[in-house]
Amino acid sequence: MRYEYAYWYFKKALSKEFCDKVIKQGLSLKKKFALTGGDGLKKPTKKEILKIRNSNITWLNDQWIYDEIYPYIITANKNAGWNFKFDWSENCQFTIYKKGQYYDWHYDSFEKPWSNSNNPKFYGKIRKLSVTISLSDPKKYKGGELEFYNNDQRPDQQPKIFTCHEISERGSLVVFPSYIWHRVKPVTQGTRYSLVLWNVGYPYE
């Protein structure tokens, strides 16, 4: 699939109060070592995970978070011309990147739809739209840039890497198709807090 826009962003869209509230909520819960892999895939070892990812997370599913974010997802899906059909959102992932932590190149969608029939809200569906929200004051950390890898080029052209500078400011968010390759570069100073959300629907027609 080819679209004009690989991502759609909103600068400083969410308030300082919202960011503070999410951070407070995320830090109040027990942190977990972030994993990789998904439904139907072999569970990787910690050593294998660290080749790709090093961060800590908690999971949030408060309705006030979805209420705040959802209008931006709808707008991005329309304005970018994707018009993907989706009908549910996963839990929000509050992610902590401290000095030296990172998430190397990956994409969020899985090779096959969710196969767990015990969860009808996800069964037979795939991730279609991903969302990343910058929660931290950019003055309080360095590094941790979100980058996109555009491999939709002619065979005689080099793929391009785009740094998403548009969400460097606190309260900014970016929406992008879940099949787009992306990474978070290592944090070199301070701590970067972010919120990630995936929106699912039945496979593309």
N, C-alpha and C. Protein backbone atom coordinates (compact mmCIF):
# COMPACT_ATOMS: atom_id res chain seq x y z
N MET A 1 0.84 -1.19 0.00
CA MET A 1 0.00 0.00 0.00
C MET A 1 0.87 1.24 0.00
N ARG A 2 0.48 2.23 -0.77
CA ARG A 2 1.22 3.48 -0.82
C ARG A 2 0.27 4.63 -0.49
N TYR A 3 0.73 5.50 0.40
CA TYR A 3 -0.06 6.66 0.78
C TYR A 3 0.85 7.88 0.77
N GLU A 4 0.24 9.03 0.62
CA GLU A 4 1.03 10.27 0.57
C GLU A 4 1.75 10.53 1.89
N TYR A 5 1.09 10.20 3.00
CA TYR A 5 1.66 10.50 4.32
C TYR A 5 2.01 9.22 5.06
N ALA A 6 3.24 9.17 5.57
CA ALA A 6 3.66 8.04 6.41
C ALA A 6 3.23 8.25 7.85
N TYR A 7 3.00 9.50 8.25
CA TYR A 7 2.51 9.79 9.60
C TYR A 7 1.81 11.15 9.60
N TRP A 8 1.01 11.37 10.63
CA TRP A 8 0.29 12.63 10.80
C TRP A 8 0.48 13.07 12.24
N TYR A 9 0.88 14.32 12.45
CA TYR A 9 1.25 14.77 13.78
C TYR A 9 0.40 15.95 14.24
N PHE A 10 0.44 16.16 15.57
CA PHE A 10 -0.23 17.30 16.20
C PHE A 10 0.75 17.87 17.22
N LYS A 11 1.21 19.08 17.00
CA LYS A 11 2.18 19.70 17.90
C LYS A 11 1.49 20.28 19.13
N LYS A 12 2.04 19.94 20.31
CA LYS A 12 1.60 20.52 21.58
C LYS A 12 0.07 20.50 21.70
N ALA A 13 -0.53 19.40 21.30
CA ALA A 13 -2.00 19.30 21.30
C ALA A 13 -2.57 19.01 22.68
N LEU A 14 -1.83 18.29 23.49
CA LEU A 14 -2.31 17.87 24.80
C LEU A 14 -1.69 18.74 25.89
N SER A 15 -2.46 19.02 26.90
CA SER A 15 -2.05 19.98 27.92
C SER A 15 -0.96 19.44 28.84
N LYS A 16 -0.28 20.35 29.50
CA LYS A 16 0.72 19.99 30.51
C LYS A 16 0.05 19.18 31.62
N GLU A 17 -1.17 19.56 31.97
CA GLU A 17 -1.89 18.87 33.03
C GLU A 17 -2.16 17.41 32.65
N PHE A 18 -2.53 17.20 31.38
CA PHE A 18 -2.77 15.83 30.91
C PHE A 18 -1.48 15.02 30.99
N CYS A 19 -0.38 15.58 30.51
CA CYS A 19 0.91 14.88 30.53
C CYS A 19 1.33 14.54 31.96
N ASP A 20 1.18 15.51 32.87
CA ASP A 20 1.54 15.28 34.27
C ASP A 20 0.70 14.17 34.88
N LYS A 21 -0.59 14.18 34.56
CA LYS A 21 -1.51 13.19 35.12
C LYS A 21 -1.16 11.78 34.63
N VAL A 22 -0.84 11.66 33.34
CA VAL A 22 -0.47 10.35 32.79
C VAL A 22 0.83 9.86 33.42
N ILE A 23 1.82 10.74 33.53
CA ILE A 23 3.10 10.36 34.14
C ILE A 23 2.89 9.90 35.59
N LYS A 24 2.11 10.66 36.34
CA LYS A 24 1.85 10.30 37.73
C LYS A 24 1.17 8.94 37.83
N GLN A 25 0.19 8.72 36.94
CA GLN A 25 -0.52 7.44 36.93
C GLN A 25 0.43 6.30 36.55
N GLY A 26 1.24 6.51 35.52
CA GLY A 26 2.16 5.48 35.06
C GLY A 26 3.21 5.12 36.10
N LEU A 27 3.74 6.13 36.78
CA LEU A 27 4.79 5.89 37.78
C LEU A 27 4.24 5.28 39.07
N SER A 28 2.94 5.38 39.28
CA SER A 28 2.33 4.84 40.49
C SER A 28 2.16 3.32 40.43
N LEU A 29 2.29 2.76 39.22
CA LEU A 29 2.09 1.33 39.03
C LEU A 29 3.43 0.60 38.96
N LYS A 30 3.38 -0.69 39.16
CA LYS A 30 4.60 -1.49 39.13
C LYS A 30 5.15 -1.57 37.71
N LYS A 31 6.41 -1.20 37.56
CA LYS A 31 7.04 -1.20 36.24
C LYS A 31 7.44 -2.62 35.82
N LYS A 32 7.35 -2.86 34.51
CA LYS A 32 7.73 -4.14 33.95
C LYS A 32 8.81 -3.93 32.89
N PHE A 33 9.63 -4.93 32.71
CA PHE A 33 10.60 -4.90 31.61
C PHE A 33 9.84 -5.10 30.31
N ALA A 34 10.05 -4.20 29.36
CA ALA A 34 9.30 -4.23 28.11
C ALA A 34 9.69 -5.44 27.26
N LEU A 35 8.69 -6.13 26.72
CA LEU A 35 8.90 -7.31 25.89
C LEU A 35 8.69 -6.98 24.42
N THR A 36 8.98 -7.94 23.56
CA THR A 36 8.69 -7.83 22.14
C THR A 36 8.01 -9.11 21.70
N GLY A 37 7.47 -9.10 20.50
CA GLY A 37 6.78 -10.29 20.01
C GLY A 37 5.29 -10.14 20.20
N GLY A 38 4.51 -11.05 19.63
CA GLY A 38 3.07 -10.91 19.71
C GLY A 38 2.33 -12.21 19.58
N ASP A 39 1.07 -12.09 19.31
CA ASP A 39 0.15 -13.22 19.24
C ASP A 39 0.63 -14.25 18.23
N GLY A 40 0.78 -15.47 18.69
CA GLY A 40 1.16 -16.55 17.79
C GLY A 40 2.64 -16.64 17.51
N LEU A 41 3.45 -15.77 18.12
CA LEU A 41 4.88 -15.79 17.87
C LEU A 41 5.61 -16.44 19.05
N LYS A 42 6.76 -17.04 18.79
CA LYS A 42 7.56 -17.64 19.84
C LYS A 42 8.05 -16.55 20.78
N LYS A 43 7.92 -16.80 22.08
CA LYS A 43 8.32 -15.82 23.08
C LYS A 43 9.84 -15.71 23.11
N PRO A 44 10.39 -14.51 22.87
CA PRO A 44 11.85 -14.36 22.85
C PRO A 44 12.44 -14.34 24.25
N THR A 45 13.72 -14.63 24.34
CA THR A 45 14.44 -14.55 25.61
C THR A 45 14.79 -13.09 25.90
N LYS A 46 15.20 -12.81 27.14
CA LYS A 46 15.57 -11.45 27.50
C LYS A 46 16.78 -10.98 26.69
N LYS A 47 17.73 -11.89 26.46
CA LYS A 47 18.91 -11.54 25.65
C LYS A 47 18.49 -11.15 24.24
N GLU A 48 17.55 -11.88 23.67
CA GLU A 48 17.06 -11.57 22.33
C GLU A 48 16.32 -10.25 22.33
N ILE A 49 15.55 -9.99 23.39
CA ILE A 49 14.80 -8.74 23.49
C ILE A 49 15.74 -7.55 23.53
N LEU A 50 16.82 -7.66 24.31
CA LEU A 50 17.74 -6.54 24.49
C LEU A 50 18.48 -6.17 23.20
N LYS A 51 18.48 -7.05 22.23
CA LYS A 51 19.05 -6.70 20.94
C LYS A 51 18.15 -5.69 20.22
N ILE A 52 16.88 -5.68 20.60
CA ILE A 52 15.90 -4.82 19.94
C ILE A 52 15.43 -3.70 20.84
N ARG A 53 15.26 -4.03 22.13
CA ARG A 53 14.55 -3.09 22.99
C ARG A 53 15.07 -3.12 24.41
N ASN A 54 15.15 -1.92 25.02
CA ASN A 54 15.50 -1.81 26.43
C ASN A 54 14.71 -0.64 27.00
N SER A 55 13.65 -0.95 27.73
CA SER A 55 12.82 0.08 28.35
C SER A 55 11.95 -0.58 29.40
N ASN A 56 11.27 0.25 30.18
CA ASN A 56 10.35 -0.24 31.19
C ASN A 56 8.97 0.35 30.94
N ILE A 57 7.93 -0.42 31.27
CA ILE A 57 6.58 0.00 30.92
C ILE A 57 5.59 -0.29 32.05
N THR A 58 4.46 0.39 31.98
CA THR A 58 3.26 0.03 32.72
C THR A 58 2.09 0.15 31.75
N TRP A 59 0.97 -0.46 32.11
CA TRP A 59 -0.20 -0.46 31.24
C TRP A 59 -1.32 0.37 31.85
N LEU A 60 -1.93 1.22 31.03
CA LEU A 60 -3.01 2.10 31.47
C LEU A 60 -4.24 1.87 30.60
N ASN A 61 -5.42 1.88 31.21
CA ASN A 61 -6.65 1.76 30.42
C ASN A 61 -7.75 2.67 30.95
N ASP A 62 -7.34 3.81 31.51
CA ASP A 62 -8.31 4.77 32.04
C ASP A 62 -9.08 5.43 30.91
N GLN A 63 -10.38 5.54 31.06
CA GLN A 63 -11.22 6.06 30.00
C GLN A 63 -10.88 7.52 29.66
N TRP A 64 -10.46 8.30 30.65
CA TRP A 64 -10.16 9.71 30.39
C TRP A 64 -8.99 9.87 29.43
N ILE A 65 -8.09 8.87 29.41
CA ILE A 65 -6.97 8.92 28.46
C ILE A 65 -7.47 8.72 27.04
N TYR A 66 -8.30 7.69 26.85
CA TYR A 66 -8.85 7.43 25.51
C TYR A 66 -9.70 8.60 25.03
N ASP A 67 -10.49 9.17 25.92
CA ASP A 67 -11.36 10.30 25.54
C ASP A 67 -10.54 11.47 25.02
N GLU A 68 -9.37 11.66 25.59
CA GLU A 68 -8.51 12.78 25.20
C GLU A 68 -7.82 12.52 23.86
N ILE A 69 -7.41 11.29 23.63
CA ILE A 69 -6.60 10.96 22.46
C ILE A 69 -7.43 10.64 21.22
N TYR A 70 -8.58 9.99 21.43
CA TYR A 70 -9.34 9.44 20.31
C TYR A 70 -9.67 10.44 19.20
N PRO A 71 -10.08 11.68 19.52
CA PRO A 71 -10.39 12.63 18.43
C PRO A 71 -9.21 12.87 17.50
N TYR A 72 -7.99 12.84 18.02
CA TYR A 72 -6.82 13.04 17.17
C TYR A 72 -6.59 11.85 16.23
N ILE A 73 -6.89 10.65 16.71
CA ILE A 73 -6.75 9.47 15.85
C ILE A 73 -7.73 9.55 14.68
N ILE A 74 -8.97 9.92 14.98
CA ILE A 74 -9.99 10.05 13.94
C ILE A 74 -9.58 11.09 12.91
N THR A 75 -9.10 12.24 13.39
CA THR A 75 -8.70 13.33 12.49
C THR A 75 -7.51 12.91 11.63
N ALA A 76 -6.51 12.29 12.23
CA ALA A 76 -5.32 11.87 11.48
C ALA A 76 -5.69 10.84 10.42
N ASN A 77 -6.50 9.88 10.77
CA ASN A 77 -6.91 8.82 9.84
C ASN A 77 -7.60 9.41 8.61
N LYS A 78 -8.37 10.46 8.83
CA LYS A 78 -9.08 11.12 7.72
C LYS A 78 -8.16 12.05 6.94
N ASN A 79 -7.45 12.92 7.64
CA ASN A 79 -6.63 13.93 6.96
C ASN A 79 -5.46 13.34 6.20
N ALA A 80 -4.91 12.22 6.67
CA ALA A 80 -3.80 11.57 5.98
C ALA A 80 -4.27 10.74 4.80
N GLY A 81 -5.59 10.54 4.69
CA GLY A 81 -6.12 9.78 3.57
C GLY A 81 -6.05 8.28 3.73
N TRP A 82 -5.76 7.79 4.95
CA TRP A 82 -5.69 6.34 5.16
C TRP A 82 -7.09 5.73 5.20
N ASN A 83 -7.96 6.35 6.00
CA ASN A 83 -9.35 5.90 6.13
C ASN A 83 -9.43 4.42 6.51
N PHE A 84 -8.56 4.01 7.43
CA PHE A 84 -8.57 2.62 7.90
C PHE A 84 -9.79 2.38 8.79
N LYS A 85 -10.37 1.21 8.68
CA LYS A 85 -11.48 0.83 9.54
C LYS A 85 -10.93 0.14 10.78
N PHE A 86 -11.23 0.70 11.95
CA PHE A 86 -10.82 0.08 13.21
C PHE A 86 -11.95 0.26 14.22
N ASP A 87 -12.00 -0.64 15.18
CA ASP A 87 -13.14 -0.61 16.10
C ASP A 87 -12.78 -0.83 17.56
N TRP A 88 -11.48 -0.90 17.85
CA TRP A 88 -11.11 -1.09 19.25
C TRP A 88 -9.68 -0.62 19.46
N SER A 89 -9.38 -0.30 20.72
CA SER A 89 -8.03 0.13 21.08
C SER A 89 -7.48 -0.75 22.19
N GLU A 90 -6.20 -1.06 22.10
CA GLU A 90 -5.55 -1.84 23.15
C GLU A 90 -5.28 -0.96 24.37
N ASN A 91 -4.79 -1.59 25.44
CA ASN A 91 -4.36 -0.81 26.59
C ASN A 91 -3.24 0.14 26.18
N CYS A 92 -3.17 1.27 26.85
CA CYS A 92 -2.11 2.24 26.56
C CYS A 92 -0.82 1.80 27.26
N GLN A 93 0.29 1.94 26.56
CA GLN A 93 1.59 1.58 27.13
C GLN A 93 2.35 2.83 27.54
N PHE A 94 2.51 3.01 28.84
CA PHE A 94 3.34 4.09 29.38
C PHE A 94 4.77 3.59 29.41
N THR A 95 5.65 4.26 28.68
CA THR A 95 7.01 3.76 28.50
C THR A 95 8.02 4.71 29.13
N ILE A 96 8.99 4.12 29.80
CA ILE A 96 10.05 4.87 30.46
C ILE A 96 11.37 4.53 29.78
N TYR A 97 12.03 5.55 29.22
CA TYR A 97 13.36 5.38 28.64
C TYR A 97 14.34 6.20 29.46
N LYS A 98 15.20 5.52 30.19
CA LYS A 98 16.27 6.19 30.92
C LYS A 98 17.55 6.19 30.09
N LYS A 99 18.60 6.78 30.61
CA LYS A 99 19.85 6.89 29.87
C LYS A 99 20.30 5.52 29.36
N GLY A 100 20.57 5.45 28.05
CA GLY A 100 21.03 4.22 27.44
C GLY A 100 19.93 3.31 26.95
N GLN A 101 18.68 3.62 27.26
CA GLN A 101 17.58 2.76 26.83
C GLN A 101 17.07 3.19 25.46
N TYR A 102 16.41 2.28 24.75
CA TYR A 102 16.10 2.48 23.34
C TYR A 102 15.06 1.47 22.88
N TYR A 103 14.63 1.62 21.63
CA TYR A 103 13.81 0.61 20.95
C TYR A 103 14.22 0.64 19.49
N ASP A 104 14.93 -0.38 19.04
CA ASP A 104 15.48 -0.39 17.68
C ASP A 104 14.38 -0.61 16.65
N TRP A 105 14.75 -0.74 15.39
CA TRP A 105 13.79 -0.81 14.29
C TRP A 105 12.78 -1.94 14.49
N HIS A 106 11.50 -1.60 14.33
CA HIS A 106 10.43 -2.58 14.46
C HIS A 106 9.16 -1.99 13.86
N TYR A 107 8.17 -2.83 13.68
CA TYR A 107 6.83 -2.34 13.33
C TYR A 107 5.85 -2.97 14.30
N ASP A 108 4.69 -2.36 14.45
CA ASP A 108 3.77 -2.76 15.51
C ASP A 108 2.78 -3.84 15.11
N SER A 109 2.52 -3.99 13.84
CA SER A 109 1.54 -4.98 13.40
C SER A 109 2.16 -6.37 13.42
N PHE A 110 1.32 -7.38 13.55
CA PHE A 110 1.77 -8.77 13.57
C PHE A 110 1.55 -9.42 12.21
N GLU A 111 2.24 -10.53 11.99
CA GLU A 111 2.14 -11.22 10.71
C GLU A 111 0.76 -11.85 10.51
N LYS A 112 0.11 -12.23 11.62
CA LYS A 112 -1.21 -12.84 11.54
C LYS A 112 -2.17 -12.14 12.50
N PRO A 113 -3.47 -12.21 12.23
CA PRO A 113 -4.45 -11.62 13.16
C PRO A 113 -4.42 -12.31 14.52
N TRP A 114 -4.94 -11.63 15.53
CA TRP A 114 -5.03 -12.21 16.87
C TRP A 114 -5.80 -13.52 16.80
N SER A 115 -5.27 -14.56 17.42
CA SER A 115 -5.88 -15.89 17.31
C SER A 115 -6.56 -16.36 18.59
N ASN A 116 -6.52 -15.54 19.64
CA ASN A 116 -7.14 -15.92 20.91
C ASN A 116 -8.65 -15.67 20.85
N SER A 117 -9.41 -16.73 20.64
CA SER A 117 -10.86 -16.60 20.50
C SER A 117 -11.56 -16.25 21.80
N ASN A 118 -10.82 -16.29 22.92
CA ASN A 118 -11.41 -15.93 24.21
C ASN A 118 -11.57 -14.42 24.37
N ASN A 119 -10.99 -13.67 23.45
CA ASN A 119 -11.10 -12.21 23.50
C ASN A 119 -11.73 -11.72 22.21
N PRO A 120 -13.06 -11.66 22.14
CA PRO A 120 -13.74 -11.31 20.89
C PRO A 120 -13.45 -9.89 20.40
N LYS A 121 -13.01 -9.01 21.29
CA LYS A 121 -12.72 -7.63 20.87
C LYS A 121 -11.46 -7.55 20.02
N PHE A 122 -10.61 -8.59 20.09
CA PHE A 122 -9.37 -8.61 19.33
C PHE A 122 -9.29 -9.76 18.34
N TYR A 123 -10.08 -10.78 18.55
CA TYR A 123 -9.98 -12.00 17.74
C TYR A 123 -10.16 -11.70 16.24
N GLY A 124 -9.20 -12.19 15.44
CA GLY A 124 -9.27 -12.01 13.99
C GLY A 124 -8.87 -10.63 13.51
N LYS A 125 -8.35 -9.79 14.40
CA LYS A 125 -8.03 -8.41 14.04
C LYS A 125 -6.52 -8.17 14.03
N ILE A 126 -6.12 -7.05 13.46
CA ILE A 126 -4.72 -6.66 13.39
C ILE A 126 -4.58 -5.21 13.86
N ARG A 127 -3.37 -4.84 14.22
CA ARG A 127 -3.10 -3.44 14.54
C ARG A 127 -3.07 -2.63 13.24
N LYS A 128 -3.78 -1.52 13.23
CA LYS A 128 -3.84 -0.69 12.02
C LYS A 128 -3.25 0.71 12.23
N LEU A 129 -3.51 1.32 13.35
CA LEU A 129 -3.01 2.67 13.60
C LEU A 129 -2.30 2.72 14.95
N SER A 130 -1.09 3.22 14.93
CA SER A 130 -0.30 3.39 16.14
C SER A 130 -0.24 4.87 16.52
N VAL A 131 -0.11 5.12 17.80
CA VAL A 131 -0.03 6.49 18.31
C VAL A 131 1.12 6.59 19.31
N THR A 132 1.92 7.62 19.19
CA THR A 132 2.97 7.91 20.17
C THR A 132 2.80 9.33 20.66
N ILE A 133 2.81 9.50 21.98
CA ILE A 133 2.63 10.81 22.61
C ILE A 133 3.86 11.15 23.43
N SER A 134 4.39 12.34 23.25
CA SER A 134 5.53 12.82 24.03
C SER A 134 5.01 13.46 25.31
N LEU A 135 5.41 12.89 26.44
CA LEU A 135 4.93 13.38 27.73
C LEU A 135 5.95 14.24 28.47
N SER A 136 7.22 14.11 28.14
CA SER A 136 8.29 14.77 28.89
C SER A 136 8.61 16.16 28.35
N ASP A 137 9.07 17.01 29.25
CA ASP A 137 9.63 18.29 28.87
C ASP A 137 10.94 18.01 28.12
N PRO A 138 11.07 18.49 26.87
CA PRO A 138 12.28 18.18 26.09
C PRO A 138 13.56 18.73 26.70
N LYS A 139 13.44 19.65 27.65
CA LYS A 139 14.62 20.19 28.31
C LYS A 139 15.17 19.23 29.36
N LYS A 140 14.40 18.20 29.70
CA LYS A 140 14.78 17.31 30.78
C LYS A 140 15.41 16.00 30.30
N TYR A 141 15.58 15.87 28.98
CA TYR A 141 16.26 14.68 28.46
C TYR A 141 16.87 14.99 27.10
N LYS A 142 17.81 14.14 26.69
CA LYS A 142 18.41 14.24 25.37
C LYS A 142 18.39 12.87 24.71
N GLY A 143 18.38 12.87 23.38
CA GLY A 143 18.28 11.62 22.64
C GLY A 143 16.83 11.16 22.60
N GLY A 144 16.63 9.87 22.38
CA GLY A 144 15.28 9.32 22.39
C GLY A 144 14.41 9.76 21.23
N GLU A 145 15.03 10.15 20.11
CA GLU A 145 14.24 10.62 18.97
C GLU A 145 13.47 9.47 18.33
N LEU A 146 12.26 9.76 17.91
CA LEU A 146 11.46 8.80 17.16
C LEU A 146 11.79 8.96 15.68
N GLU A 147 12.14 7.84 15.03
CA GLU A 147 12.48 7.89 13.61
C GLU A 147 11.63 6.89 12.84
N PHE A 148 11.32 7.25 11.59
CA PHE A 148 10.58 6.38 10.69
C PHE A 148 11.48 5.98 9.53
N TYR A 149 11.29 4.75 9.07
CA TYR A 149 12.07 4.21 7.97
C TYR A 149 11.14 4.01 6.78
N ASN A 150 11.38 4.76 5.73
CA ASN A 150 10.54 4.68 4.53
C ASN A 150 11.25 3.81 3.50
N ASN A 151 10.80 2.56 3.40
CA ASN A 151 11.40 1.67 2.42
C ASN A 151 10.54 1.55 1.17
N ASP A 152 9.59 2.45 1.01
CA ASP A 152 8.72 2.45 -0.17
C ASP A 152 9.36 3.32 -1.25
N GLN A 153 10.55 2.91 -1.68
CA GLN A 153 11.31 3.67 -2.66
C GLN A 153 11.52 2.82 -3.92
N ARG A 154 11.93 3.47 -4.99
CA ARG A 154 12.32 2.73 -6.20
C ARG A 154 13.53 1.87 -5.89
N PRO A 155 13.69 0.76 -6.60
CA PRO A 155 14.82 -0.13 -6.34
C PRO A 155 16.18 0.55 -6.48
N ASP A 156 16.26 1.60 -7.27
CA ASP A 156 17.54 2.28 -7.47
C ASP A 156 17.73 3.46 -6.50
N GLN A 157 16.84 3.59 -5.52
CA GLN A 157 16.95 4.67 -4.55
C GLN A 157 17.19 4.11 -3.16
N GLN A 158 17.89 4.88 -2.35
CA GLN A 158 18.13 4.48 -0.97
C GLN A 158 16.90 4.76 -0.12
N PRO A 159 16.52 3.82 0.75
CA PRO A 159 15.42 4.11 1.69
C PRO A 159 15.77 5.32 2.54
N LYS A 160 14.74 6.03 2.98
CA LYS A 160 14.95 7.25 3.74
C LYS A 160 14.56 7.06 5.20
N ILE A 161 15.31 7.73 6.08
CA ILE A 161 15.00 7.76 7.50
C ILE A 161 14.55 9.17 7.86
N PHE A 162 13.38 9.26 8.48
CA PHE A 162 12.83 10.55 8.87
C PHE A 162 12.80 10.64 10.39
N THR A 163 13.38 11.70 10.94
CA THR A 163 13.26 11.97 12.36
C THR A 163 12.00 12.78 12.60
N CYS A 164 11.17 12.31 13.52
CA CYS A 164 9.89 12.98 13.78
C CYS A 164 10.10 14.13 14.76
N HIS A 165 10.73 15.20 14.26
CA HIS A 165 10.98 16.37 15.10
C HIS A 165 9.67 17.03 15.52
N GLU A 166 8.61 16.76 14.79
CA GLU A 166 7.33 17.44 15.06
C GLU A 166 6.75 17.11 16.43
N ILE A 167 7.19 16.01 17.05
CA ILE A 167 6.65 15.68 18.37
C ILE A 167 7.68 15.87 19.48
N SER A 168 8.68 16.70 19.22
CA SER A 168 9.70 16.93 20.25
C SER A 168 9.13 17.70 21.44
N GLU A 169 8.13 18.53 21.20
CA GLU A 169 7.53 19.32 22.28
C GLU A 169 6.57 18.47 23.10
N ARG A 170 6.50 18.78 24.37
CA ARG A 170 5.62 18.06 25.28
C ARG A 170 4.16 18.18 24.85
N GLY A 171 3.42 17.08 24.95
CA GLY A 171 2.01 17.09 24.59
C GLY A 171 1.76 16.89 23.11
N SER A 172 2.80 16.67 22.33
CA SER A 172 2.66 16.42 20.90
C SER A 172 2.41 14.93 20.67
N LEU A 173 1.72 14.61 19.59
CA LEU A 173 1.49 13.21 19.28
C LEU A 173 1.54 12.96 17.79
N VAL A 174 1.85 11.72 17.44
CA VAL A 174 1.93 11.32 16.04
C VAL A 174 1.12 10.04 15.86
N VAL A 175 0.39 9.96 14.75
CA VAL A 175 -0.39 8.78 14.38
C VAL A 175 0.19 8.24 13.08
N PHE A 176 0.35 6.91 12.99
CA PHE A 176 0.93 6.33 11.78
C PHE A 176 0.44 4.90 11.60
N PRO A 177 0.43 4.41 10.36
CA PRO A 177 0.04 3.02 10.12
C PRO A 177 0.96 2.06 10.87
N SER A 178 0.39 1.04 11.47
CA SER A 178 1.15 0.14 12.34
C SER A 178 2.18 -0.71 11.60
N TYR A 179 2.11 -0.73 10.25
CA TYR A 179 3.09 -1.50 9.50
C TYR A 179 4.34 -0.69 9.16
N ILE A 180 4.39 0.59 9.54
CA ILE A 180 5.55 1.43 9.25
C ILE A 180 6.69 1.10 10.22
N TRP A 181 7.89 0.91 9.66
CA TRP A 181 9.06 0.67 10.50
C TRP A 181 9.44 1.96 11.24
N HIS A 182 9.80 1.82 12.52
CA HIS A 182 10.18 2.98 13.31
C HIS A 182 11.08 2.53 14.47
N ARG A 183 11.74 3.50 15.09
CA ARG A 183 12.58 3.20 16.24
C ARG A 183 12.65 4.40 17.17
N VAL A 184 13.06 4.15 18.41
CA VAL A 184 13.38 5.20 19.38
C VAL A 184 14.87 5.10 19.66
N LYS A 185 15.60 6.14 19.32
CA LYS A 185 17.05 6.13 19.52
C LYS A 185 17.39 6.19 21.01
N PRO A 186 18.58 5.75 21.38
CA PRO A 186 18.94 5.72 22.80
C PRO A 186 18.85 7.11 23.45
N VAL A 187 18.34 7.13 24.66
CA VAL A 187 18.35 8.35 25.46
C VAL A 187 19.77 8.54 25.98
N THR A 188 20.29 9.73 25.85
CA THR A 188 21.67 9.99 26.27
C THR A 188 21.75 10.77 27.58
N GLN A 189 20.63 11.34 27.99
CA GLN A 189 20.62 12.10 29.25
C GLN A 189 19.18 12.24 29.73
N GLY A 190 18.97 12.09 31.05
CA GLY A 190 17.64 12.27 31.61
C GLY A 190 16.73 11.08 31.35
N THR A 191 15.42 11.33 31.42
CA THR A 191 14.41 10.29 31.23
C THR A 191 13.33 10.77 30.28
N ARG A 192 12.99 9.93 29.34
CA ARG A 192 11.92 10.23 28.38
C ARG A 192 10.70 9.38 28.71
N TYR A 193 9.55 10.05 28.90
CA TYR A 193 8.29 9.37 29.12
C TYR A 193 7.43 9.50 27.87
N SER A 194 6.81 8.41 27.48
CA SER A 194 5.91 8.46 26.33
C SER A 194 4.72 7.55 26.58
N LEU A 195 3.68 7.76 25.78
CA LEU A 195 2.49 6.93 25.83
C LEU A 195 2.23 6.41 24.43
N VAL A 196 2.01 5.09 24.34
CA VAL A 196 1.80 4.45 23.04
C VAL A 196 0.46 3.74 23.06
N LEU A 197 -0.24 3.81 21.92
CA LEU A 197 -1.56 3.19 21.81
C LEU A 197 -1.71 2.57 20.42
N TRP A 198 -2.30 1.35 20.38
CA TRP A 198 -2.54 0.68 19.11
C TRP A 198 -4.04 0.49 18.91
N ASN A 199 -4.49 0.73 17.69
CA ASN A 199 -5.90 0.63 17.35
C ASN A 199 -6.09 -0.50 16.34
N VAL A 200 -7.03 -1.39 16.61
CA VAL A 200 -7.15 -2.63 15.84
C VAL A 200 -8.45 -2.70 15.05
N GLY A 201 -8.42 -3.50 14.00
CA GLY A 201 -9.60 -3.76 13.17
C GLY A 201 -9.36 -5.01 12.34
N TYR A 202 -10.37 -5.40 11.59
CA TYR A 202 -10.22 -6.59 10.75
C TYR A 202 -9.25 -6.31 9.61
N PRO A 203 -8.58 -7.34 9.10
CA PRO A 203 -7.58 -7.17 8.03
C PRO A 203 -8.10 -6.36 6.86
N TYR A 204 -7.19 -5.72 6.17
CA TYR A 204 -7.54 -4.86 5.03
C TYR A 204 -8.28 -5.66 3.97
N GLU A 205 -9.30 -5.05 3.40
CA GLU A 205 -10.09 -5.70 2.36
C GLU A 205 -9.37 -5.63 1.02
